[in-house]
Amino acid sequence: MTGRYEQFTDDSGQHAFRLTSPDGKLLASSNGFSSAAEVLEGIEIMRSLVSTATIVDMTRT
C-alpha cells in the first residue's frame, strides 16, 4: 500500500499538490505554485524531509 501525490490546478489557477493515504484520505495539501515544475520540486523536497521531520506539539504553550 502506498499513498500518492496528486498534482492539480486550484480554483485560483495556481499549481498545487496534495498527499493522500492509500485509502484516499487527505494527509497534506500544498500552497499554490506558479508552475508545474515548482510543484514537482516541492514534492521532492517534501519526500526528502518527511521521513526525518520531528514532531512538535504546538498545543502546549
N, C-alpha and C. Protein backbone atom coordinates (compact mmCIF):
# COMPACT_ATOMS: atom_id res chain seq x y z
N MET A 1 0.84 -1.18 0.00
CA MET A 1 0.00 0.00 0.00
C MET A 1 0.87 1.24 0.00
N THR A 2 0.43 2.20 -0.73
CA THR A 2 1.19 3.43 -0.82
C THR A 2 0.26 4.63 -0.98
N GLY A 3 0.70 5.74 -0.45
CA GLY A 3 -0.03 6.97 -0.66
C GLY A 3 0.32 7.52 -2.03
N ARG A 4 -0.23 8.68 -2.34
CA ARG A 4 0.11 9.26 -3.63
C ARG A 4 0.08 10.79 -3.56
N TYR A 5 0.94 11.38 -4.36
CA TYR A 5 0.96 12.82 -4.55
C TYR A 5 0.10 13.12 -5.77
N GLU A 6 -0.85 14.03 -5.63
CA GLU A 6 -1.72 14.41 -6.73
C GLU A 6 -1.42 15.86 -7.10
N GLN A 7 -1.00 16.08 -8.33
CA GLN A 7 -0.72 17.42 -8.83
C GLN A 7 -1.99 17.95 -9.48
N PHE A 8 -2.36 19.20 -9.18
CA PHE A 8 -3.60 19.75 -9.72
C PHE A 8 -3.51 21.27 -9.83
N THR A 9 -4.48 21.87 -10.47
CA THR A 9 -4.61 23.32 -10.54
C THR A 9 -5.75 23.72 -9.62
N ASP A 10 -5.48 24.64 -8.69
CA ASP A 10 -6.51 25.03 -7.72
C ASP A 10 -7.49 26.04 -8.33
N ASP A 11 -8.45 26.47 -7.53
CA ASP A 11 -9.50 27.36 -8.02
C ASP A 11 -8.98 28.72 -8.51
N SER A 12 -7.82 29.14 -8.00
CA SER A 12 -7.26 30.43 -8.43
C SER A 12 -6.31 30.29 -9.61
N GLY A 13 -6.18 29.07 -10.15
CA GLY A 13 -5.31 28.84 -11.29
C GLY A 13 -3.87 28.52 -10.94
N GLN A 14 -3.57 28.42 -9.65
CA GLN A 14 -2.22 28.06 -9.20
C GLN A 14 -2.04 26.55 -9.28
N HIS A 15 -0.80 26.13 -9.46
CA HIS A 15 -0.46 24.71 -9.44
C HIS A 15 -0.25 24.31 -7.98
N ALA A 16 -0.66 23.10 -7.62
CA ALA A 16 -0.54 22.64 -6.23
C ALA A 16 -0.46 21.12 -6.21
N PHE A 17 -0.22 20.58 -5.00
CA PHE A 17 -0.27 19.13 -4.84
C PHE A 17 -0.88 18.79 -3.50
N ARG A 18 -1.38 17.57 -3.42
CA ARG A 18 -1.86 17.04 -2.14
C ARG A 18 -1.33 15.63 -2.00
N LEU A 19 -1.15 15.22 -0.76
CA LEU A 19 -0.71 13.87 -0.43
C LEU A 19 -1.90 13.14 0.16
N THR A 20 -2.22 11.98 -0.39
CA THR A 20 -3.34 11.20 0.12
C THR A 20 -2.84 9.84 0.61
N SER A 21 -3.56 9.28 1.57
CA SER A 21 -3.24 7.96 2.11
C SER A 21 -3.71 6.89 1.12
N PRO A 22 -3.30 5.64 1.33
CA PRO A 22 -3.74 4.57 0.43
C PRO A 22 -5.26 4.46 0.30
N ASP A 23 -6.00 4.84 1.36
CA ASP A 23 -7.47 4.77 1.28
C ASP A 23 -8.09 6.09 0.81
N GLY A 24 -7.26 7.03 0.32
CA GLY A 24 -7.76 8.26 -0.28
C GLY A 24 -7.96 9.43 0.66
N LYS A 25 -7.62 9.28 1.93
CA LYS A 25 -7.78 10.40 2.87
C LYS A 25 -6.69 11.44 2.65
N LEU A 26 -7.08 12.71 2.73
CA LEU A 26 -6.14 13.81 2.56
C LEU A 26 -5.21 13.88 3.77
N LEU A 27 -3.90 13.86 3.52
CA LEU A 27 -2.91 13.95 4.58
C LEU A 27 -2.24 15.32 4.61
N ALA A 28 -2.01 15.90 3.43
CA ALA A 28 -1.36 17.21 3.35
C ALA A 28 -1.73 17.85 2.03
N SER A 29 -1.72 19.18 2.04
CA SER A 29 -2.03 19.94 0.84
C SER A 29 -1.09 21.13 0.77
N SER A 30 -0.56 21.41 -0.40
CA SER A 30 0.40 22.49 -0.55
C SER A 30 -0.29 23.82 -0.80
N ASN A 31 0.47 24.88 -0.67
CA ASN A 31 0.06 26.19 -1.15
C ASN A 31 0.22 26.20 -2.66
N GLY A 32 -0.20 27.26 -3.30
CA GLY A 32 -0.08 27.36 -4.73
C GLY A 32 1.33 27.67 -5.20
N PHE A 33 1.68 27.13 -6.36
CA PHE A 33 2.95 27.40 -7.02
C PHE A 33 2.65 28.03 -8.37
N SER A 34 3.62 28.76 -8.92
CA SER A 34 3.37 29.43 -10.19
C SER A 34 3.56 28.52 -11.40
N SER A 35 4.20 27.36 -11.20
CA SER A 35 4.41 26.45 -12.34
C SER A 35 4.35 25.00 -11.90
N ALA A 36 4.12 24.13 -12.87
CA ALA A 36 4.10 22.69 -12.59
C ALA A 36 5.49 22.21 -12.16
N ALA A 37 6.54 22.82 -12.70
CA ALA A 37 7.90 22.44 -12.31
C ALA A 37 8.15 22.73 -10.83
N GLU A 38 7.61 23.84 -10.33
CA GLU A 38 7.76 24.16 -8.91
C GLU A 38 7.01 23.17 -8.04
N VAL A 39 5.88 22.67 -8.52
CA VAL A 39 5.13 21.65 -7.79
C VAL A 39 5.98 20.40 -7.64
N LEU A 40 6.59 19.95 -8.73
CA LEU A 40 7.42 18.75 -8.68
C LEU A 40 8.61 18.94 -7.74
N GLU A 41 9.18 20.14 -7.73
CA GLU A 41 10.28 20.43 -6.81
C GLU A 41 9.78 20.39 -5.36
N GLY A 42 8.60 20.94 -5.11
CA GLY A 42 8.01 20.89 -3.77
C GLY A 42 7.75 19.47 -3.31
N ILE A 43 7.28 18.62 -4.21
CA ILE A 43 7.04 17.22 -3.87
C ILE A 43 8.36 16.54 -3.51
N GLU A 44 9.40 16.78 -4.28
CA GLU A 44 10.70 16.17 -3.99
C GLU A 44 11.25 16.64 -2.65
N ILE A 45 11.08 17.92 -2.34
CA ILE A 45 11.53 18.43 -1.04
C ILE A 45 10.74 17.76 0.08
N MET A 46 9.44 17.65 -0.09
CA MET A 46 8.62 17.01 0.94
C MET A 46 9.03 15.55 1.13
N ARG A 47 9.25 14.84 0.05
CA ARG A 47 9.69 13.44 0.13
C ARG A 47 10.98 13.31 0.94
N SER A 48 11.91 14.23 0.73
CA SER A 48 13.20 14.13 1.41
C SER A 48 13.10 14.49 2.89
N LEU A 49 12.14 15.34 3.25
CA LEU A 49 12.03 15.79 4.64
C LEU A 49 11.11 14.95 5.51
N VAL A 50 10.11 14.34 4.92
CA VAL A 50 9.04 13.72 5.71
C VAL A 50 9.53 12.58 6.61
N SER A 51 10.50 11.82 6.18
CA SER A 51 10.94 10.69 7.00
C SER A 51 11.81 11.11 8.17
N THR A 52 12.35 12.32 8.13
CA THR A 52 13.23 12.76 9.21
C THR A 52 12.67 13.93 10.02
N ALA A 53 11.49 14.39 9.67
CA ALA A 53 10.90 15.54 10.36
C ALA A 53 10.59 15.20 11.83
N THR A 54 10.80 16.17 12.70
CA THR A 54 10.48 15.98 14.12
C THR A 54 9.02 16.33 14.37
N ILE A 55 8.48 15.78 15.43
CA ILE A 55 7.12 16.06 15.85
C ILE A 55 7.16 17.12 16.94
N VAL A 56 6.45 18.22 16.74
CA VAL A 56 6.42 19.30 17.72
C VAL A 56 4.96 19.52 18.11
N ASP A 57 4.67 19.38 19.40
CA ASP A 57 3.30 19.56 19.90
C ASP A 57 3.05 21.05 20.12
N MET A 58 2.34 21.66 19.19
CA MET A 58 2.06 23.10 19.26
C MET A 58 0.84 23.41 20.13
N THR A 59 0.18 22.38 20.69
CA THR A 59 -0.97 22.62 21.53
C THR A 59 -0.55 22.97 22.95
N ARG A 60 0.70 22.75 23.28
CA ARG A 60 1.21 23.08 24.62
C ARG A 60 2.00 24.37 24.56
N THR A 61 1.66 25.27 25.44
CA THR A 61 2.36 26.56 25.44
C THR A 61 3.08 26.78 26.75
